[in-house]
């Protein structure tokens, strides 16, 4: 459900006014493209991502100058990001 939720949230944004940074594939790129964005990818996780990939993506986003982190996940993802 996370990808569908991310796509729905992103569709509320204007791709002409937002620069979207994300991880490749299922960790964000797929949802971004489905919402009409041409995202810049900052991390390439393996096909089966892990908590380490969530953390690596968040660090890469911060390093790339992201102003806002939007995530679609559950309690585990929230813990990974706050940890």
Protein backbone atom coordinates (compact mmCIF):
# COMPACT_ATOMS: atom_id res chain seq x y z
CA UNK A 1 0.00 0.00 0.00
CA UNK A 2 2.93 2.35 0.57
CA UNK A 3 3.60 3.00 -3.11
CA UNK A 4 -0.05 3.83 -3.84
CA UNK A 5 -0.13 6.18 -0.83
CA UNK A 6 3.07 7.89 -1.95
CA UNK A 7 1.72 8.33 -5.47
CA UNK A 8 -1.52 9.81 -4.13
CA UNK A 9 0.39 12.27 -1.94
CA UNK A 10 2.75 13.30 -4.74
CA UNK A 11 -0.12 13.91 -7.14
CA UNK A 12 -1.11 16.84 -4.92
CA UNK A 13 2.19 18.57 -5.75
CA UNK A 14 3.05 20.49 -8.92
CA UNK A 15 5.95 18.78 -10.78
CA UNK A 16 6.77 22.13 -12.40
CA UNK A 17 7.42 23.72 -8.99
CA UNK A 18 9.01 20.86 -7.05
CA UNK A 19 12.38 19.20 -7.48
CA UNK A 20 11.89 15.65 -6.30
CA UNK A 21 14.79 13.63 -4.93
CA UNK A 22 14.29 9.93 -4.25
CA UNK A 23 15.76 6.44 -4.20
CA UNK A 24 15.54 4.27 -7.30
CA UNK A 25 12.73 1.84 -7.97
CA UNK A 26 10.21 0.82 -5.36
CA UNK A 27 11.74 3.08 -2.70
CA UNK A 28 10.31 6.17 -4.36
CA UNK A 29 11.17 6.52 -8.03
CA UNK A 30 8.28 4.34 -9.22
CA UNK A 31 5.69 6.32 -7.23
CA UNK A 32 7.20 9.63 -8.32
CA UNK A 33 7.03 8.70 -11.99
CA UNK A 34 3.45 7.45 -11.58
CA UNK A 35 2.60 10.88 -10.13
CA UNK A 36 4.06 12.70 -13.14
CA UNK A 37 7.51 13.60 -11.80
CA UNK A 38 10.93 13.11 -13.38
CA UNK A 39 12.77 12.56 -10.08
CA UNK A 40 16.47 12.80 -9.38
CA UNK A 41 17.67 9.62 -7.71
CA UNK A 42 20.16 9.83 -4.86
CA UNK A 43 20.37 6.17 -3.77
CA UNK A 44 20.11 2.83 -5.54
CA UNK A 45 18.90 0.11 -3.16
CA UNK A 46 18.96 -3.58 -4.03
CA UNK A 47 15.72 -5.13 -5.25
CA UNK A 48 14.81 -6.12 -1.70
CA UNK A 49 15.43 -3.01 0.39
CA UNK A 50 16.15 -3.01 4.10
CA UNK A 51 16.25 -0.64 7.05
CA UNK A 52 19.83 0.17 6.08
CA UNK A 53 18.57 1.37 2.69
CA UNK A 54 16.00 3.62 4.35
CA UNK A 55 18.75 5.17 6.45
CA UNK A 56 21.15 5.46 3.49
CA UNK A 57 18.44 7.12 1.40
CA UNK A 58 17.62 9.63 4.14
CA UNK A 59 21.30 10.51 4.49
CA UNK A 60 21.67 10.88 0.72
CA UNK A 61 18.59 13.13 0.62
CA UNK A 62 20.02 15.35 3.35
CA UNK A 63 23.36 15.45 1.56
CA UNK A 64 21.62 16.49 -1.66
CA UNK A 65 19.93 19.40 0.13
CA UNK A 66 16.38 18.10 0.55
CA UNK A 67 14.08 20.52 2.39
CA UNK A 68 11.36 18.00 3.24
CA UNK A 69 11.32 14.23 3.71
CA UNK A 70 8.07 12.57 2.72
CA UNK A 71 7.86 8.86 3.37
CA UNK A 72 5.16 6.26 2.99
CA UNK A 73 5.69 3.35 5.31
CA UNK A 74 4.79 1.98 8.66
CA UNK A 75 6.14 2.14 12.17
CA UNK A 76 9.37 0.41 11.17
CA UNK A 77 10.16 3.00 8.53
CA UNK A 78 9.41 5.81 10.98
CA UNK A 79 11.73 4.22 13.57
CA UNK A 80 14.48 3.87 10.94
CA UNK A 81 14.20 7.53 10.03
CA UNK A 82 14.13 8.80 13.61
CA UNK A 83 16.90 6.51 14.82
